[in-house]
PDB file of N, CA and C in Angstrom:
ATOM      1  N   MET A   1      -2.917  75.628 105.598  1.00  0.00           N
ATOM      2  CA  MET A   1      -2.974  76.504 107.245  1.00  0.00           C
ATOM      3  C   MET A   1      -2.826  75.631 108.119  1.00  0.00           C
ATOM      4  N   ALA A   2      -2.832  74.341 108.473  1.00  0.00           N
ATOM      5  CA  ALA A   2      -2.238  73.684 108.951  1.00  0.00           C
ATOM      6  C   ALA A   2      -0.632  73.753 109.984  1.00  0.00           C
ATOM      7  N   GLU A   3      -0.251  73.712 108.656  1.00  0.00           N
ATOM      8  CA  GLU A   3       1.262  73.786 109.017  1.00  0.00           C
ATOM      9  C   GLU A   3       1.751  75.202 109.877  1.00  0.00           C
ATOM     10  N   ALA A   4       0.742  76.548 110.241  1.00  0.00           N
ATOM     11  CA  ALA A   4       1.163  77.236 110.244  1.00  0.00           C
ATOM     12  C   ALA A   4       0.638  77.066 112.047  1.00  0.00           C
ATOM     13  N   LEU A   5      -0.358  76.328 112.716  1.00  0.00           N
ATOM     14  CA  LEU A   5      -0.323  76.023 114.129  1.00  0.00           C
ATOM     15  C   LEU A   5       0.752  75.849 114.749  1.00  0.00           C
ATOM     16  N   PRO A   6       1.969  74.482 114.119  1.00  0.00           N
ATOM     17  CA  PRO A   6       2.793  74.351 114.982  1.00  0.00           C
ATOM     18  C   PRO A   6       3.812  75.575 115.378  1.00  0.00           C
ATOM     19  N   LEU A   7       3.865  76.233 113.942  1.00  0.00           N
ATOM     20  CA  LEU A   7       4.634  77.661 114.161  1.00  0.00           C
ATOM     21  C   LEU A   7       3.447  78.928 114.710  1.00  0.00           C
ATOM     22  N   CYS A   8       2.769  79.045 114.902  1.00  0.00           N
ATOM     23  CA  CYS A   8       2.397  79.776 116.199  1.00  0.00           C
ATOM     24  C   CYS A   8       2.728  79.130 117.199  1.00  0.00           C
ATOM     25  N   GLU A   9       2.350  78.259 117.909  1.00  0.00           N
ATOM     26  CA  GLU A   9       2.624  77.715 118.966  1.00  0.00           C
ATOM     27  C   GLU A   9       4.047  78.034 119.438  1.00  0.00           C
ATOM     28  N   ARG A  10       4.874  77.912 118.592  1.00  0.00           N
ATOM     29  CA  ARG A  10       6.384  77.896 119.046  1.00  0.00           C
ATOM     30  C   ARG A  10       6.790  79.050 119.366  1.00  0.00           C
ATOM     31  N   ALA A  11       5.816  79.891 118.572  1.00  0.00           N
ATOM     32  CA  ALA A  11       6.087  81.526 118.354  1.00  0.00           C
ATOM     33  C   ALA A  11       5.357  81.732 119.841  1.00  0.00           C
ATOM     34  N   LEU A  12       4.744  81.337 120.353  1.00  0.00           N
ATOM     35  CA  LEU A  12       4.019  81.333 121.669  1.00  0.00           C
ATOM     36  C   LEU A  12       5.043  81.028 122.266  1.00  0.00           C
ATOM     37  N   SER A  13       5.663  79.957 122.457  1.00  0.00           N
ATOM     38  CA  SER A  13       6.495  79.484 123.831  1.00  0.00           C
ATOM     39  C   SER A  13       7.892  80.378 123.813  1.00  0.00           C
ATOM     40  N   ILE A  14       8.187  80.781 122.612  1.00  0.00           N
ATOM     41  CA  ILE A  14       8.981  81.555 122.695  1.00  0.00           C
ATOM     42  C   ILE A  14       8.727  83.012 123.362  1.00  0.00           C
ATOM     43  N   THR A  15       8.128  83.308 123.032  1.00  0.00           N
ATOM     44  CA  THR A  15       7.474  84.492 123.642  1.00  0.00           C
ATOM     45  C   THR A  15       7.717  84.492 125.027  1.00  0.00           C
ATOM     46  N   VAL A  16       6.791  83.430 125.012  1.00  0.00           N
ATOM     47  CA  VAL A  16       6.683  83.474 127.183  1.00  0.00           C
ATOM     48  C   VAL A  16       7.373  83.714 127.331  1.00  0.00           C
ATOM     49  N   LYS A  17       8.484  82.358 126.938  1.00  0.00           N
ATOM     50  CA  LYS A  17       9.867  82.692 127.753  1.00  0.00           C
ATOM     51  C   LYS A  17      10.662  83.369 127.487  1.00  0.00           C
ATOM     52  N   ALA A  18      10.632  84.147 126.760  1.00  0.00           N
ATOM     53  CA  ALA A  18      11.647  85.104 126.581  1.00  0.00           C
ATOM     54  C   ALA A  18      11.317  86.844 127.613  1.00  0.00           C
ATOM     55  N   LEU A  19       9.986  86.777 127.312  1.00  0.00           N
ATOM     56  CA  LEU A  19       9.195  88.055 127.939  1.00  0.00           C
ATOM     57  C   LEU A  19       8.108  87.892 129.098  1.00  0.00           C
ATOM     58  N   GLY A  20       7.700  86.548 129.582  1.00  0.00           N
ATOM     59  CA  GLY A  20       6.580  86.571 130.538  1.00  0.00           C
ATOM     60  C   GLY A  20       5.588  86.384 130.235  1.00  0.00           C
ATOM     61  N   PRO A  21       4.808  85.804 130.636  1.00  0.00           N
ATOM     62  CA  PRO A  21       3.284  85.058 130.156  1.00  0.00           C
ATOM     63  C   PRO A  21       2.685  86.533 130.439  1.00  0.00           C
ATOM     64  N   ASP A  22       2.956  87.354 130.576  1.00  0.00           N
ATOM     65  CA  ASP A  22       2.016  88.535 130.739  1.00  0.00           C
ATOM     66  C   ASP A  22       2.298  90.036 129.936  1.00  0.00           C
ATOM     67  N   HIS A  23       3.154  89.670 128.938  1.00  0.00           N
ATOM     68  CA  HIS A  23       3.891  90.341 127.792  1.00  0.00           C
ATOM     69  C   HIS A  23       2.219  90.508 126.722  1.00  0.00           C
ATOM     70  N   PRO A  24       2.595  91.994 126.350  1.00  0.00           N
ATOM     71  CA  PRO A  24       1.565  92.433 125.426  1.00  0.00           C
ATOM     72  C   PRO A  24       1.734  91.562 124.586  1.00  0.00           C
ATOM     73  N   ASP A  25       3.177  91.527 124.142  1.00  0.00           N
ATOM     74  CA  ASP A  25       3.453  90.559 122.854  1.00  0.00           C
ATOM     75  C   ASP A  25       3.486  89.063 123.048  1.00  0.00           C
ATOM     76  N   VAL A  26       2.962  88.768 124.345  1.00  0.00           N
ATOM     77  CA  VAL A  26       2.184  87.099 123.892  1.00  0.00           C
ATOM     78  C   VAL A  26       0.713  87.137 123.991  1.00  0.00           C
ATOM     79  N   ALA A  27       0.300  88.823 124.395  1.00  0.00           N
ATOM     80  CA  ALA A  27      -1.226  88.696 123.506  1.00  0.00           C
ATOM     81  C   ALA A  27      -2.026  88.309 121.685  1.00  0.00           C
ATOM     82  N   ILE A  28      -0.344  89.193 121.525  1.00  0.00           N
ATOM     83  CA  ILE A  28      -0.695  89.188 119.659  1.00  0.00           C
ATOM     84  C   ILE A  28      -0.274  87.730 119.460  1.00  0.00           C
ATOM     85  N   ARG A  29       0.749  86.980 120.438  1.00  0.00           N
ATOM     86  CA  ARG A  29       1.137  85.865 119.668  1.00  0.00           C
ATOM     87  C   ARG A  29      -0.556  84.650 119.652  1.00  0.00           C
ATOM     88  N   LEU A  30      -1.269  84.867 121.502  1.00  0.00           N
ATOM     89  CA  LEU A  30      -2.100  83.980 121.531  1.00  0.00           C
ATOM     90  C   LEU A  30      -3.366  84.621 120.441  1.00  0.00           C
ATOM     91  N   GLY A  31      -3.358  85.876 119.886  1.00  0.00           N
ATOM     92  CA  GLY A  31      -4.577  85.996 119.309  1.00  0.00           C
ATOM     93  C   GLY A  31      -4.371  85.644 117.584  1.00  0.00           C
ATOM     94  N   ASN A  32      -3.170  85.557 117.039  1.00  0.00           N
ATOM     95  CA  ASN A  32      -2.572  84.806 116.163  1.00  0.00           C
ATOM     96  C   ASN A  32      -2.670  83.147 116.261  1.00  0.00           C
ATOM     97  N   LEU A  33      -2.607  82.671 117.375  1.00  0.00           N
ATOM     98  CA  LEU A  33      -3.425  81.385 117.509  1.00  0.00           C
ATOM     99  C   LEU A  33      -4.850  80.924 117.069  1.00  0.00           C
ATOM    100  N   ALA A  34      -5.500  82.029 118.442  1.00  0.00           N
ATOM    101  CA  ALA A  34      -6.956  82.038 117.999  1.00  0.00           C
ATOM    102  C   ALA A  34      -7.395  82.310 116.394  1.00  0.00           C
ATOM    103  N   ALA A  35      -6.711  82.736 116.205  1.00  0.00           N
ATOM    104  CA  ALA A  35      -6.929  83.289 114.413  1.00  0.00           C
ATOM    105  C   ALA A  35      -7.337  81.992 113.465  1.00  0.00           C
ATOM    106  N   ILE A  36      -5.826  81.027 113.668  1.00  0.00           N
ATOM    107  CA  ILE A  36      -5.565  80.299 113.327  1.00  0.00           C
ATOM    108  C   ILE A  36      -6.501  79.133 113.310  1.00  0.00           C
ATOM    109  N   HIS A  37      -6.764  78.782 114.647  1.00  0.00           N
ATOM    110  CA  HIS A  37      -8.154  77.778 114.836  1.00  0.00           C
ATOM    111  C   HIS A  37      -8.804  78.126 114.283  1.00  0.00           C
ATOM    112  N   ARG A  38      -9.788  79.417 114.658  1.00  0.00           N
ATOM    113  CA  ARG A  38     -11.238  80.229 113.758  1.00  0.00           C
ATOM    114  C   ARG A  38     -10.925  79.713 112.525  1.00  0.00           C
ATOM    115  N   ALA A  39      -9.525  80.052 111.466  1.00  0.00           N
ATOM    116  CA  ALA A  39      -9.648  79.767 110.895  1.00  0.00           C
ATOM    117  C   ALA A  39      -9.964  78.074 109.641  1.00  0.00           C
ATOM    118  N   GLN A  40      -9.640  77.182 111.061  1.00  0.00           N
ATOM    119  CA  GLN A  40      -9.784  75.873 110.868  1.00  0.00           C
ATOM    120  C   GLN A  40     -10.978  75.226 111.166  1.00  0.00           C
ATOM    121  N   GLY A  41     -12.426  76.559 111.562  1.00  0.00           N
ATOM    122  CA  GLY A  41     -13.564  75.789 111.905  1.00  0.00           C
ATOM    123  C   GLY A  41     -13.220  75.667 113.579  1.00  0.00           C
ATOM    124  N   ARG A  42     -12.684  75.838 114.303  1.00  0.00           N
ATOM    125  CA  ARG A  42     -11.772  75.408 115.923  1.00  0.00           C
ATOM    126  C   ARG A  42     -12.663  76.746 116.422  1.00  0.00           C
ATOM    127  N   ALA A  43     -13.970  76.870 116.447  1.00  0.00           N
ATOM    128  CA  ALA A  43     -14.013  77.615 117.438  1.00  0.00           C
ATOM    129  C   ALA A  43     -13.609  78.280 118.895  1.00  0.00           C
ATOM    130  N   ALA A  44     -14.198  76.882 119.328  1.00  0.00           N
ATOM    131  CA  ALA A  44     -14.731  76.735 120.553  1.00  0.00           C
ATOM    132  C   ALA A  44     -12.753  76.796 121.331  1.00  0.00           C
ATOM    133  N   GLU A  45     -11.737  76.536 120.928  1.00  0.00           N
ATOM    134  CA  GLU A  45     -10.565  76.396 120.758  1.00  0.00           C
ATOM    135  C   GLU A  45      -9.867  77.633 120.786  1.00  0.00           C
ATOM    136  N   ALA A  46     -10.274  78.479 120.001  1.00  0.00           N
ATOM    137  CA  ALA A  46      -9.950  79.665 119.983  1.00  0.00           C
ATOM    138  C   ALA A  46     -10.411  80.760 120.696  1.00  0.00           C
ATOM    139  N   LEU A  47     -11.748  80.075 121.724  1.00  0.00           N
ATOM    140  CA  LEU A  47     -12.173  81.496 122.445  1.00  0.00           C
ATOM    141  C   LEU A  47     -11.470  81.173 123.923  1.00  0.00           C
ATOM    142  N   PRO A  48     -10.576  80.339 124.116  1.00  0.00           N
ATOM    143  CA  PRO A  48     -10.289  80.971 125.232  1.00  0.00           C
ATOM    144  C   PRO A  48      -8.979  81.307 125.117  1.00  0.00           C
ATOM    145  N   LEU A  49      -8.015  81.408 124.344  1.00  0.00           N
ATOM    146  CA  LEU A  49      -6.907  82.207 123.264  1.00  0.00           C
ATOM    147  C   LEU A  49      -7.398  83.324 123.725  1.00  0.00           C
ATOM    148  N   GLU A  50      -8.076  83.690 123.145  1.00  0.00           N
ATOM    149  CA  GLU A  50      -8.809  85.340 122.764  1.00  0.00           C
ATOM    150  C   GLU A  50      -9.105  85.816 124.539  1.00  0.00           C
ATOM    151  N   GLN A  51      -9.650  85.347 124.958  1.00  0.00           N
ATOM    152  CA  GLN A  51      -9.942  85.205 126.044  1.00  0.00           C
ATOM    153  C   GLN A  51      -8.957  86.097 126.949  1.00  0.00           C
ATOM    154  N   ARG A  52      -8.030  85.234 126.942  1.00  0.00           N
ATOM    155  CA  ARG A  52      -6.608  85.102 127.802  1.00  0.00           C
ATOM    156  C   ARG A  52      -5.470  86.701 126.915  1.00  0.00           C
ATOM    157  N   ALA A  53      -5.607  86.602 125.814  1.00  0.00           N
ATOM    158  CA  ALA A  53      -5.119  87.614 124.865  1.00  0.00           C
ATOM    159  C   ALA A  53      -5.746  88.976 125.777  1.00  0.00           C
ATOM    160  N   LEU A  54      -7.275  89.097 125.615  1.00  0.00           N
ATOM    161  CA  LEU A  54      -7.658  90.324 126.101  1.00  0.00           C
ATOM    162  C   LEU A  54      -7.532  90.756 127.263  1.00  0.00           C
ATOM    163  N   ALA A  55      -7.389  89.150 128.257  1.00  0.00           N
ATOM    164  CA  ALA A  55      -6.939  90.023 129.718  1.00  0.00           C
ATOM    165  C   ALA A  55      -5.473  90.339 129.673  1.00  0.00           C
ATOM    166  N   ILE A  56      -4.338  89.946 129.225  1.00  0.00           N
ATOM    167  CA  ILE A  56      -3.014  90.592 129.185  1.00  0.00           C
ATOM    168  C   ILE A  56      -2.713  92.111 128.457  1.00  0.00           C
ATOM    169  N   THR A  57      -3.776  92.172 127.310  1.00  0.00           N
ATOM    170  CA  THR A  57      -3.865  93.583 126.598  1.00  0.00           C
ATOM    171  C   THR A  57      -4.453  94.535 127.627  1.00  0.00           C
ATOM    172  N   GLU A  58      -5.581  93.903 128.686  1.00  0.00           N
ATOM    173  CA  GLU A  58      -6.337  95.134 129.195  1.00  0.00           C
ATOM    174  C   GLU A  58      -5.576  95.695 130.037  1.00  0.00           C
ATOM    175  N   ALA A  59      -4.967  94.079 130.848  1.00  0.00           N
ATOM    176  CA  ALA A  59      -4.305  95.114 131.648  1.00  0.00           C
ATOM    177  C   ALA A  59      -2.931  95.386 131.793  1.00  0.00           C
ATOM    178  N   ALA A  60      -2.428  95.109 130.921  1.00  0.00           N
ATOM    179  CA  ALA A  60      -0.971  96.565 129.897  1.00  0.00           C
ATOM    180  C   ALA A  60      -1.346  97.593 129.983  1.00  0.00           C
ATOM    181  N   LEU A  61      -1.750  97.746 129.145  1.00  0.00           N
ATOM    182  CA  LEU A  61      -2.490  98.941 128.340  1.00  0.00           C
ATOM    183  C   LEU A  61      -3.223  99.500 128.786  1.00  0.00           C
ATOM    184  N   GLY A  62      -4.292  98.851 129.464  1.00  0.00           N
ATOM    185  CA  GLY A  62      -5.743  99.966 129.718  1.00  0.00           C
ATOM    186  C   GLY A  62      -6.595  99.390 129.533  1.00  0.00           C
ATOM    187  N   PRO A  63      -7.961  99.753 129.770  1.00  0.00           N
ATOM    188  CA  PRO A  63      -9.408  99.369 129.252  1.00  0.00           C
ATOM    189  C   PRO A  63      -9.659 100.378 127.874  1.00  0.00           C
ATOM    190  N   ASP A  64      -9.210 101.313 127.660  1.00  0.00           N
ATOM    191  CA  ASP A  64      -9.710 101.894 126.337  1.00  0.00           C
ATOM    192  C   ASP A  64      -8.939 101.646 125.396  1.00  0.00           C
ATOM    193  N   HIS A  65      -7.618 101.176 125.420  1.00  0.00           N
ATOM    194  CA  HIS A  65      -6.437 101.189 124.794  1.00  0.00           C
ATOM    195  C   HIS A  65      -7.441 100.194 123.047  1.00  0.00           C
ATOM    196  N   PRO A  66      -6.725 101.102 121.861  1.00  0.00           N
ATOM    197  CA  PRO A  66      -7.528 100.238 120.190  1.00  0.00           C
ATOM    198  C   PRO A  66      -6.887  99.064 120.514  1.00  0.00           C
ATOM    199  N   ASP A  67      -5.945  98.563 121.066  1.00  0.00           N
ATOM    200  CA  ASP A  67      -5.479  96.800 121.170  1.00  0.00           C
ATOM    201  C   ASP A  67      -6.534  96.126 121.535  1.00  0.00           C
ATOM    202  N   VAL A  68      -7.489  97.004 122.210  1.00  0.00           N
ATOM    203  CA  VAL A  68      -8.425  96.180 123.756  1.00  0.00           C
ATOM    204  C   VAL A  68      -9.677  96.149 122.817  1.00  0.00           C
ATOM    205  N   ALA A  69      -9.549  97.058 122.372  1.00  0.00           N
ATOM    206  CA  ALA A  69     -11.102  97.238 121.078  1.00  0.00           C
ATOM    207  C   ALA A  69     -10.729  95.786 119.973  1.00  0.00           C
ATOM    208  N   ASN A  70      -9.852  95.953 119.584  1.00  0.00           N
ATOM    209  CA  ASN A  70      -9.489  94.394 118.501  1.00  0.00           C
ATOM    210  C   ASN A  70      -9.285  93.929 119.168  1.00  0.00           C
ATOM    211  N   GLY A  71      -9.510  93.298 120.483  1.00  0.00           N
ATOM    212  CA  GLY A  71      -9.313  92.107 120.802  1.00  0.00           C
ATOM    213  C   GLY A  71     -10.389  91.604 121.040  1.00  0.00           C
ATOM    214  N   LEU A  72     -11.470  92.965 121.816  1.00  0.00           N
ATOM    215  CA  LEU A  72     -12.931  92.518 121.875  1.00  0.00           C
ATOM    216  C   LEU A  72     -13.817  92.123 120.251  1.00  0.00           C
ATOM    217  N   GLY A  73     -13.590  93.207 119.640  1.00  0.00           N
ATOM    218  CA  GLY A  73     -13.714  92.646 118.600  1.00  0.00           C
ATOM    219  C   GLY A  73     -13.429  91.275 117.812  1.00  0.00           C
ATOM    220  N   ASN A  74     -12.568  90.792 118.227  1.00  0.00           N
ATOM    221  CA  ASN A  74     -11.925  89.409 117.728  1.00  0.00           C
ATOM    222  C   ASN A  74     -12.931  88.395 119.085  1.00  0.00           C
ATOM    223  N   LEU A  75     -13.141  88.683 119.891  1.00  0.00           N
ATOM    224  CA  LEU A  75     -13.515  88.542 120.762  1.00  0.00           C
ATOM    225  C   LEU A  75     -15.042  87.827 120.127  1.00  0.00           C
ATOM    226  N   ALA A  76     -15.599  88.874 120.196  1.00  0.00           N
ATOM    227  CA  ALA A  76     -17.091  89.272 119.631  1.00  0.00           C
ATOM    228  C   ALA A  76     -17.499  87.950 117.841  1.00  0.00           C
ATOM    229  N   ALA A  77     -16.285  88.133 116.941  1.00  0.00           N
ATOM    230  CA  ALA A  77     -16.415  87.239 116.285  1.00  0.00           C
ATOM    231  C   ALA A  77     -16.612  85.891 116.510  1.00  0.00           C
ATOM    232  N   THR A  78     -15.687  85.203 117.246  1.00  0.00           N
ATOM    233  CA  THR A  78     -15.447  83.706 118.333  1.00  0.00           C
ATOM    234  C   THR A  78     -17.164  83.605 118.574  1.00  0.00           C
ATOM    235  N   TYR A  79     -17.741  84.840 119.554  1.00  0.00           N
ATOM    236  CA  TYR A  79     -18.993  83.817 119.979  1.00  0.00           C
ATOM    237  C   TYR A  79     -20.132  83.740 118.897  1.00  0.00           C
ATOM    238  N   ARG A  80     -19.931  84.856 117.779  1.00  0.00           N
ATOM    239  CA  ARG A  80     -20.831  84.936 117.035  1.00  0.00           C
ATOM    240  C   ARG A  80     -20.658  83.209 116.164  1.00  0.00           C
ATOM    241  N   ASP A  81     -19.524  83.264 115.958  1.00  0.00           N
ATOM    242  CA  ASP A  81     -19.191  81.906 115.250  1.00  0.00           C
ATOM    243  C   ASP A  81     -19.693  80.505 116.019  1.00  0.00           C
ATOM    244  N   LEU A  82     -19.540  80.814 117.733  1.00  0.00           N
ATOM    245  CA  LEU A  82     -20.040  79.639 118.496  1.00  0.00           C
ATOM    246  C   LEU A  82     -21.867  80.002 118.644  1.00  0.00           C
ATOM    247  N   GLY A  83     -22.285  80.698 117.765  1.00  0.00           N
ATOM    248  CA  GLY A  83     -23.868  81.113 118.068  1.00  0.00           C
ATOM    249  C   GLY A  83     -23.876  81.446 119.572  1.00  0.00           C
ATOM    250  N   ARG A  84     -23.306  82.390 120.108  1.00  0.00           N
ATOM    251  CA  ARG A  84     -23.464  83.460 121.496  1.00  0.00           C
ATOM    252  C   ARG A  84     -23.559  84.354 121.357  1.00  0.00           C
ATOM    253  N   ALA A  85     -25.155  84.631 120.464  1.00  0.00           N
ATOM    254  CA  ALA A  85     -25.106  85.839 120.155  1.00  0.00           C
ATOM    255  C   ALA A  85     -25.201  87.144 121.324  1.00  0.00           C
ATOM    256  N   ALA A  86     -25.682  86.841 122.559  1.00  0.00           N
ATOM    257  CA  ALA A  86     -25.722  87.897 123.588  1.00  0.00           C
ATOM    258  C   ALA A  86     -24.671  87.908 123.793  1.00  0.00           C
ATOM    259  N   GLU A  87     -23.470  86.855 124.009  1.00  0.00           N
ATOM    260  CA  GLU A  87     -22.270  87.615 124.570  1.00  0.00           C
ATOM    261  C   GLU A  87     -21.235  88.164 123.484  1.00  0.00           C
ATOM    262  N   ALA A  88     -22.183  87.812 121.728  1.00  0.00           N
ATOM    263  CA  ALA A  88     -21.116  88.592 120.703  1.00  0.00           C
ATOM    264  C   ALA A  88     -21.418  89.954 120.858  1.00  0.00           C
ATOM    265  N   LEU A  89     -22.774  90.410 120.921  1.00  0.00           N
ATOM    266  CA  LEU A  89     -23.150  91.971 120.984  1.00  0.00           C
ATOM    267  C   LEU A  89     -22.225  92.111 122.203  1.00  0.00           C
ATOM    268  N   ALA A  90     -22.674  92.008 123.279  1.00  0.00           N
ATOM    269  CA  ALA A  90     -21.831  92.210 124.442  1.00  0.00           C
ATOM    270  C   ALA A  90     -20.634  92.962 124.493  1.00  0.00           C
ATOM    271  N   ALA A  91     -20.040  92.305 123.366  1.00  0.00           N
ATOM    272  CA  ALA A  91     -18.186  92.230 123.605  1.00  0.00           C
ATOM    273  C   ALA A  91     -17.867  93.182 122.344  1.00  0.00           C
ATOM    274  N   ILE A  92     -18.512  93.372 121.146  1.00  0.00           N
ATOM    275  CA  ILE A  92     -18.803  94.065 120.275  1.00  0.00           C
ATOM    276  C   ILE A  92     -19.224  95.629 120.662  1.00  0.00           C
ATOM    277  N   THR A  93     -20.239  95.808 121.724  1.00  0.00           N
ATOM    278  CA  THR A  93     -20.706  97.106 121.997  1.00  0.00           C
ATOM    279  C   THR A  93     -19.319  97.796 123.016  1.00  0.00           C
ATOM    280  N   ARG A  94     -19.076  96.864 124.000  1.00  0.00           N
ATOM    281  CA  ARG A  94     -17.682  97.259 124.579  1.00  0.00           C
ATOM    282  C   ARG A  94     -16.588  97.453 123.596  1.00  0.00           C
ATOM    283  N   ALA A  95     -16.108  96.534 122.535  1.00  0.00           N
ATOM    284  CA  ALA A  95     -15.238  97.191 121.552  1.00  0.00           C
ATOM    285  C   ALA A  95     -15.740  98.306 120.932  1.00  0.00           C
ATOM    286  N   GLU A  96     -16.680  98.577 120.259  1.00  0.00           N
ATOM    287  CA  GLU A  96     -17.332 100.550 120.124  1.00  0.00           C
ATOM    288  C   GLU A  96     -17.003 101.106 121.139  1.00  0.00           C
ATOM    289  N   GLN A  97     -17.767 100.914 122.479  1.00  0.00           N
ATOM    290  CA  GLN A  97     -17.068 101.967 123.268  1.00  0.00           C
ATOM    291  C   GLN A  97     -15.956 102.502 123.728  1.00  0.00           C
ATOM    292  N   CYS A  98     -14.851 101.546 123.595  1.00  0.00           N
ATOM    293  CA  CYS A  98     -13.395 100.965 123.490  1.00  0.00           C
ATOM    294  C   CYS A  98     -12.813 102.605 122.024  1.00  0.00           C
ATOM    295  N   ALA A  99     -13.509 101.454 121.266  1.00  0.00           N
ATOM    296  CA  ALA A  99     -13.018 102.171 120.318  1.00  0.00           C
ATOM    297  C   ALA A  99     -13.100 103.903 119.828  1.00  0.00           C
ATOM    298  N   LEU A 100     -14.350 104.421 120.690  1.00  0.00           N
ATOM    299  CA  LEU A 100     -14.827 105.471 120.998  1.00  0.00           C
ATOM    300  C   LEU A 100     -14.249 106.687 122.063  1.00  0.00           C
ATOM    301  N   ALA A 101     -13.880 105.531 122.972  1.00  0.00           N
ATOM    302  CA  ALA A 101     -13.063 106.457 124.042  1.00  0.00           C
ATOM    303  C   ALA A 101     -11.376 106.724 123.499  1.00  0.00           C
ATOM    304  N   ALA A 102     -10.783 105.645 123.081  1.00  0.00           N
ATOM    305  CA  ALA A 102      -9.008 105.889 122.256  1.00  0.00           C
ATOM    306  C   ALA A 102      -9.319 106.414 121.184  1.00  0.00           C
ATOM    307  N   LEU A 103      -9.978 106.033 120.220  1.00  0.00           N
ATOM    308  CA  LEU A 103      -9.875 107.005 118.955  1.00  0.00           C
ATOM    309  C   LEU A 103     -10.632 107.999 118.297  1.00  0.00           C
ATOM    310  N   GLY A 104     -11.874 108.121 118.611  1.00  0.00           N
ATOM    311  CA  GLY A 104     -12.961 109.177 118.456  1.00  0.00           C
ATOM    312  C   GLY A 104     -14.208 108.643 117.162  1.00  0.00           C
ATOM    313  N   LYS A 105     -15.201 109.438 117.387  1.00  0.00           N
ATOM    314  CA  LYS A 105     -16.091 108.846 116.485  1.00  0.00           C
ATOM    315  C   LYS A 105     -15.430 108.515 114.875  1.00  0.00           C
ATOM    316  N   GLN A 106     -14.916 109.029 114.086  1.00  0.00           N
ATOM    317  CA  GLN A 106     -14.462 109.207 112.558  1.00  0.00           C
ATOM    318  C   GLN A 106     -13.181 108.701 112.246  1.00  0.00           C
ATOM    319  N   HIS A 107     -12.624 107.622 113.636  1.00  0.00           N
ATOM    320  CA  HIS A 107     -11.450 106.808 113.284  1.00  0.00           C
ATOM    321  C   HIS A 107     -11.913 106.106 112.068  1.00  0.00           C
ATOM    322  N   PRO A 108     -10.690 104.959 111.905  1.00  0.00           N
ATOM    323  CA  PRO A 108     -11.590 104.476 110.344  1.00  0.00           C
ATOM    324  C   PRO A 108     -11.998 102.732 111.521  1.00  0.00           C
ATOM    325  N   THR A 109     -11.134 102.546 112.348  1.00  0.00           N
ATOM    326  CA  THR A 109     -10.741 101.336 113.515  1.00  0.00           C
ATOM    327  C   THR A 109     -13.088 101.177 114.015  1.00  0.00           C
ATOM    328  N   THR A 110     -12.689 102.815 114.437  1.00  0.00           N
ATOM    329  CA  THR A 110     -14.311 103.040 114.881  1.00  0.00           C
ATOM    330  C   THR A 110     -15.390 102.787 114.022  1.00  0.00           C
ATOM    331  N   ARG A 111     -15.341 103.425 112.960  1.00  0.00           N
ATOM    332  CA  ARG A 111     -16.332 102.950 111.913  1.00  0.00           C
ATOM    333  C   ARG A 111     -16.429 101.402 111.768  1.00  0.00           C
ATOM    334  N   SER A 112     -15.399 100.943 111.603  1.00  0.00           N
ATOM    335  CA  SER A 112     -15.314  99.275 111.239  1.00  0.00           C
ATOM    336  C   SER A 112     -16.366  98.669 111.854  1.00  0.00           C
ATOM    337  N   ILE A 113     -15.833  98.810 113.553  1.00  0.00           N
ATOM    338  CA  ILE A 113     -16.234  97.943 114.587  1.00  0.00           C
ATOM    339  C   ILE A 113     -17.936  98.280 114.354  1.00  0.00           C
ATOM    340  N   GLN A 114     -17.979  99.605 114.107  1.00  0.00           N
ATOM    341  CA  GLN A 114     -19.696 100.295 114.206  1.00  0.00           C
ATOM    342  C   GLN A 114     -20.286  99.405 112.932  1.00  0.00           C
ATOM    343  N   ARG A 115     -19.698  99.036 111.758  1.00  0.00           N
ATOM    344  CA  ARG A 115     -20.731  98.481 110.936  1.00  0.00           C
ATOM    345  C   ARG A 115     -20.714  97.308 111.614  1.00  0.00           C
ATOM    346  N   SER A 116     -19.695  96.497 112.007  1.00  0.00           N
ATOM    347  CA  SER A 116     -19.330  95.458 112.778  1.00  0.00           C
ATOM    348  C   SER A 116     -20.986  94.945 113.731  1.00  0.00           C
ATOM    349  N   ALA A 117     -20.976  96.159 114.625  1.00  0.00           N
ATOM    350  CA  ALA A 117     -21.912  95.936 115.601  1.00  0.00           C
ATOM    351  C   ALA A 117     -23.337  96.227 114.787  1.00  0.00           C
ATOM    352  N   ASP A 118     -23.543  96.629 113.703  1.00  0.00           N
ATOM    353  CA  ASP A 118     -24.624  96.805 112.382  1.00  0.00           C
ATOM    354  C   ASP A 118     -25.144  95.875 112.460  1.00  0.00           C
ATOM    355  N   SER A 119     -24.218  94.800 111.604  1.00  0.00           N
ATOM    356  CA  SER A 119     -24.606  93.133 110.826  1.00  0.00           C
ATOM    357  C   SER A 119     -24.530  92.448 112.012  1.00  0.00           C
TER     358      SER A 119
END
């Protein structure tokens, strides 16, 4: 996992230079970098990356896009890792609302988020 971190940082840098800091692909790279930090037990370092990724995604794609629901789910998991239960609940609740609006009640993504909210 340690060898993945510099590669993801480099991919982020290249993407920012090529597409600009507010492109949805930058959000993807930020999310990947955040996932590595979380996997290494460094949720505090993942949090600002996930927040920035979510802001980019929401601005670029709108508040009800499925990618926003995914970003909110990631953010909720990080809040949970940090022991911030109220913020985790708020994020997963918003993710569920977003998924319902974008995908409908029966979509697998919506169901997955609902299961996360129930746990």
